[in-house]
Amino acid sequence: MTQPIAIVTGASKGIGFEVCKVLAEESARIVMMARGEVELETSVETIAAMGGRAVAVAGDVGMREDCERAISTARTVFSGLDIL
């Protein structure tokens, strides 16, 4: 089974976090991006406790540098990107 690689923004709570949970259930590897670093780390831990693979990237989607860092993280940690 292939494990897609996704970047999800707003991933620390709400709809973004729910999307991460669904992706984790489908064996996706996830780069979770949000502005709140503490909340984001807690959300990554929750995904890991579910058996998912996720990494945190604290940042703002309105900032080009933060978006580039999320993409770079997906490529470096998981060797690619399938879903944005």
N, C-alpha and C. Protein backbone atom coordinates (compact mmCIF):
# COMPACT_ATOMS: atom_id res chain seq x y z
N MET A 1 0.84 -1.17 0.00
CA MET A 1 0.00 0.00 0.00
C MET A 1 0.90 1.25 0.00
N THR A 2 0.56 2.19 -0.84
CA THR A 2 1.30 3.43 -0.89
C THR A 2 0.89 4.34 0.26
N GLN A 3 1.83 5.07 0.79
CA GLN A 3 1.56 6.01 1.88
C GLN A 3 1.74 7.43 1.35
N PRO A 4 0.65 8.09 1.00
CA PRO A 4 0.78 9.45 0.47
C PRO A 4 1.36 10.39 1.52
N ILE A 5 1.93 11.46 1.03
CA ILE A 5 2.54 12.48 1.88
C ILE A 5 1.72 13.76 1.72
N ALA A 6 1.29 14.32 2.85
CA ALA A 6 0.41 15.49 2.81
C ALA A 6 0.95 16.62 3.66
N ILE A 7 0.65 17.85 3.23
CA ILE A 7 0.83 19.02 4.08
C ILE A 7 -0.58 19.52 4.40
N VAL A 8 -0.84 19.69 5.69
CA VAL A 8 -2.14 20.21 6.12
C VAL A 8 -1.89 21.47 6.93
N THR A 9 -2.54 22.56 6.53
CA THR A 9 -2.42 23.82 7.26
C THR A 9 -3.57 23.95 8.25
N GLY A 10 -3.37 24.76 9.25
CA GLY A 10 -4.39 24.89 10.30
C GLY A 10 -4.55 23.58 11.04
N ALA A 11 -3.44 22.83 11.14
CA ALA A 11 -3.49 21.45 11.59
C ALA A 11 -3.55 21.24 13.10
N SER A 12 -3.49 22.29 13.87
CA SER A 12 -3.47 22.10 15.32
C SER A 12 -4.85 22.00 15.95
N LYS A 13 -5.89 22.37 15.19
CA LYS A 13 -7.24 22.30 15.76
C LYS A 13 -8.28 22.37 14.65
N GLY A 14 -9.51 22.18 15.01
CA GLY A 14 -10.62 22.35 14.08
C GLY A 14 -10.57 21.43 12.87
N ILE A 15 -11.00 21.98 11.73
CA ILE A 15 -11.09 21.20 10.50
C ILE A 15 -9.73 20.66 10.09
N GLY A 16 -8.69 21.48 10.20
CA GLY A 16 -7.35 21.03 9.82
C GLY A 16 -6.92 19.80 10.61
N PHE A 17 -7.16 19.81 11.91
CA PHE A 17 -6.79 18.66 12.74
C PHE A 17 -7.63 17.44 12.39
N GLU A 18 -8.91 17.63 12.12
CA GLU A 18 -9.77 16.51 11.73
C GLU A 18 -9.30 15.90 10.41
N VAL A 19 -8.87 16.75 9.47
CA VAL A 19 -8.32 16.26 8.20
C VAL A 19 -7.08 15.41 8.48
N CYS A 20 -6.23 15.86 9.38
CA CYS A 20 -5.03 15.10 9.74
C CYS A 20 -5.39 13.73 10.30
N LYS A 21 -6.40 13.68 11.15
CA LYS A 21 -6.80 12.39 11.72
C LYS A 21 -7.29 11.43 10.64
N VAL A 22 -8.08 11.93 9.69
CA VAL A 22 -8.57 11.08 8.60
C VAL A 22 -7.40 10.60 7.74
N LEU A 23 -6.49 11.51 7.42
CA LEU A 23 -5.32 11.12 6.62
C LEU A 23 -4.48 10.08 7.35
N ALA A 24 -4.30 10.26 8.65
CA ALA A 24 -3.52 9.29 9.44
C ALA A 24 -4.19 7.92 9.42
N GLU A 25 -5.50 7.89 9.51
CA GLU A 25 -6.23 6.61 9.44
C GLU A 25 -6.03 5.92 8.10
N GLU A 26 -5.75 6.72 7.06
CA GLU A 26 -5.52 6.19 5.72
C GLU A 26 -4.03 5.97 5.44
N SER A 27 -3.22 6.00 6.50
CA SER A 27 -1.78 5.74 6.44
C SER A 27 -0.96 6.82 5.75
N ALA A 28 -1.50 8.02 5.63
CA ALA A 28 -0.72 9.11 5.06
C ALA A 28 0.33 9.57 6.05
N ARG A 29 1.42 10.07 5.52
CA ARG A 29 2.45 10.73 6.32
C ARG A 29 2.16 12.23 6.19
N ILE A 30 2.19 12.95 7.32
CA ILE A 30 1.65 14.30 7.34
C ILE A 30 2.65 15.32 7.88
N VAL A 31 2.78 16.42 7.15
CA VAL A 31 3.45 17.61 7.66
C VAL A 31 2.33 18.50 8.15
N MET A 32 2.27 18.68 9.46
CA MET A 32 1.21 19.47 10.08
C MET A 32 1.73 20.88 10.30
N MET A 33 1.03 21.86 9.73
CA MET A 33 1.46 23.26 9.82
C MET A 33 0.38 24.10 10.51
N ALA A 34 0.82 24.91 11.45
CA ALA A 34 -0.07 25.84 12.16
C ALA A 34 0.80 26.91 12.83
N ARG A 35 0.16 27.98 13.24
CA ARG A 35 0.91 29.06 13.88
C ARG A 35 1.25 28.78 15.34
N GLY A 36 0.36 28.10 16.06
CA GLY A 36 0.57 27.85 17.48
C GLY A 36 1.45 26.65 17.72
N GLU A 37 2.71 26.90 18.09
CA GLU A 37 3.69 25.83 18.23
C GLU A 37 3.31 24.80 19.30
N VAL A 38 2.85 25.24 20.44
CA VAL A 38 2.52 24.32 21.53
C VAL A 38 1.32 23.45 21.14
N GLU A 39 0.27 24.07 20.63
CA GLU A 39 -0.91 23.30 20.19
C GLU A 39 -0.54 22.33 19.08
N LEU A 40 0.33 22.77 18.18
CA LEU A 40 0.74 21.93 17.07
C LEU A 40 1.48 20.69 17.55
N GLU A 41 2.39 20.85 18.49
CA GLU A 41 3.13 19.69 19.02
C GLU A 41 2.17 18.70 19.70
N THR A 42 1.19 19.22 20.42
CA THR A 42 0.20 18.35 21.05
C THR A 42 -0.59 17.58 19.99
N SER A 43 -0.94 18.23 18.90
CA SER A 43 -1.68 17.58 17.82
C SER A 43 -0.85 16.50 17.14
N VAL A 44 0.44 16.78 16.95
CA VAL A 44 1.33 15.77 16.36
C VAL A 44 1.42 14.55 17.28
N GLU A 45 1.50 14.78 18.57
CA GLU A 45 1.53 13.67 19.54
C GLU A 45 0.25 12.85 19.47
N THR A 46 -0.88 13.50 19.29
CA THR A 46 -2.15 12.79 19.17
C THR A 46 -2.16 11.90 17.93
N ILE A 47 -1.67 12.42 16.81
CA ILE A 47 -1.59 11.62 15.58
C ILE A 47 -0.67 10.43 15.79
N ALA A 48 0.47 10.65 16.45
CA ALA A 48 1.40 9.56 16.73
C ALA A 48 0.75 8.50 17.61
N ALA A 49 -0.03 8.92 18.60
CA ALA A 49 -0.72 7.98 19.48
C ALA A 49 -1.75 7.14 18.72
N MET A 50 -2.24 7.68 17.61
CA MET A 50 -3.18 6.94 16.76
C MET A 50 -2.44 5.96 15.84
N GLY A 51 -1.11 6.03 15.86
CA GLY A 51 -0.32 5.18 14.98
C GLY A 51 0.09 5.86 13.69
N GLY A 52 -0.19 7.17 13.58
CA GLY A 52 0.15 7.91 12.38
C GLY A 52 1.56 8.47 12.42
N ARG A 53 2.02 8.93 11.27
CA ARG A 53 3.34 9.57 11.17
C ARG A 53 3.14 11.02 10.78
N ALA A 54 3.61 11.91 11.64
CA ALA A 54 3.44 13.34 11.39
C ALA A 54 4.62 14.11 11.97
N VAL A 55 4.90 15.25 11.33
CA VAL A 55 5.89 16.18 11.85
C VAL A 55 5.26 17.57 11.88
N ALA A 56 5.76 18.40 12.77
CA ALA A 56 5.23 19.75 12.94
C ALA A 56 6.10 20.77 12.24
N VAL A 57 5.43 21.73 11.62
CA VAL A 57 6.10 22.91 11.07
C VAL A 57 5.30 24.12 11.53
N ALA A 58 5.86 24.86 12.47
CA ALA A 58 5.18 26.07 12.94
C ALA A 58 5.35 27.15 11.88
N GLY A 59 4.24 27.74 11.48
CA GLY A 59 4.33 28.79 10.49
C GLY A 59 2.97 29.31 10.07
N ASP A 60 3.02 30.35 9.26
CA ASP A 60 1.83 31.05 8.77
C ASP A 60 1.76 30.87 7.26
N VAL A 61 0.63 30.39 6.75
CA VAL A 61 0.50 30.18 5.31
C VAL A 61 0.58 31.49 4.52
N GLY A 62 0.46 32.61 5.17
CA GLY A 62 0.59 33.90 4.52
C GLY A 62 2.04 34.32 4.30
N MET A 63 2.96 33.51 4.83
CA MET A 63 4.38 33.82 4.72
C MET A 63 5.05 32.81 3.78
N ARG A 64 5.56 33.30 2.68
CA ARG A 64 6.17 32.44 1.67
C ARG A 64 7.26 31.54 2.28
N GLU A 65 8.10 32.11 3.13
CA GLU A 65 9.20 31.35 3.73
C GLU A 65 8.68 30.17 4.54
N ASP A 66 7.58 30.37 5.26
CA ASP A 66 7.01 29.29 6.07
C ASP A 66 6.46 28.18 5.17
N CYS A 67 5.83 28.57 4.08
CA CYS A 67 5.30 27.58 3.13
C CYS A 67 6.43 26.78 2.49
N GLU A 68 7.49 27.48 2.11
CA GLU A 68 8.64 26.80 1.52
C GLU A 68 9.28 25.84 2.51
N ARG A 69 9.30 26.22 3.79
CA ARG A 69 9.84 25.35 4.84
C ARG A 69 9.00 24.09 4.99
N ALA A 70 7.68 24.22 4.91
CA ALA A 70 6.80 23.06 5.00
C ALA A 70 7.04 22.11 3.83
N ILE A 71 7.18 22.66 2.64
CA ILE A 71 7.45 21.82 1.46
C ILE A 71 8.81 21.14 1.59
N SER A 72 9.80 21.90 2.02
CA SER A 72 11.13 21.33 2.22
C SER A 72 11.11 20.21 3.26
N THR A 73 10.34 20.40 4.32
CA THR A 73 10.21 19.37 5.35
C THR A 73 9.60 18.10 4.78
N ALA A 74 8.55 18.24 3.97
CA ALA A 74 7.92 17.06 3.35
C ALA A 74 8.92 16.31 2.50
N ARG A 75 9.70 17.03 1.73
CA ARG A 75 10.69 16.40 0.85
C ARG A 75 11.82 15.77 1.63
N THR A 76 12.27 16.43 2.69
CA THR A 76 13.40 15.93 3.47
C THR A 76 13.00 14.76 4.37
N VAL A 77 11.93 14.92 5.11
CA VAL A 77 11.54 13.90 6.09
C VAL A 77 10.85 12.71 5.42
N PHE A 78 9.99 12.99 4.45
CA PHE A 78 9.18 11.91 3.86
C PHE A 78 9.50 11.65 2.38
N SER A 79 10.45 12.38 1.81
CA SER A 79 10.90 12.17 0.43
C SER A 79 9.87 12.50 -0.64
N GLY A 80 9.05 13.50 -0.41
CA GLY A 80 8.12 13.90 -1.45
C GLY A 80 6.92 14.65 -0.92
N LEU A 81 5.95 14.84 -1.81
CA LEU A 81 4.70 15.52 -1.47
C LEU A 81 3.64 15.11 -2.46
N ASP A 82 2.51 14.63 -1.97
CA ASP A 82 1.40 14.20 -2.83
C ASP A 82 0.15 15.03 -2.66
N ILE A 83 -0.10 15.51 -1.45
CA ILE A 83 -1.35 16.18 -1.13
C ILE A 83 -1.05 17.49 -0.43
N LEU A 84 -1.71 18.55 -0.91
CA LEU A 84 -1.55 19.86 -0.27
C LEU A 84 -2.91 20.39 0.06
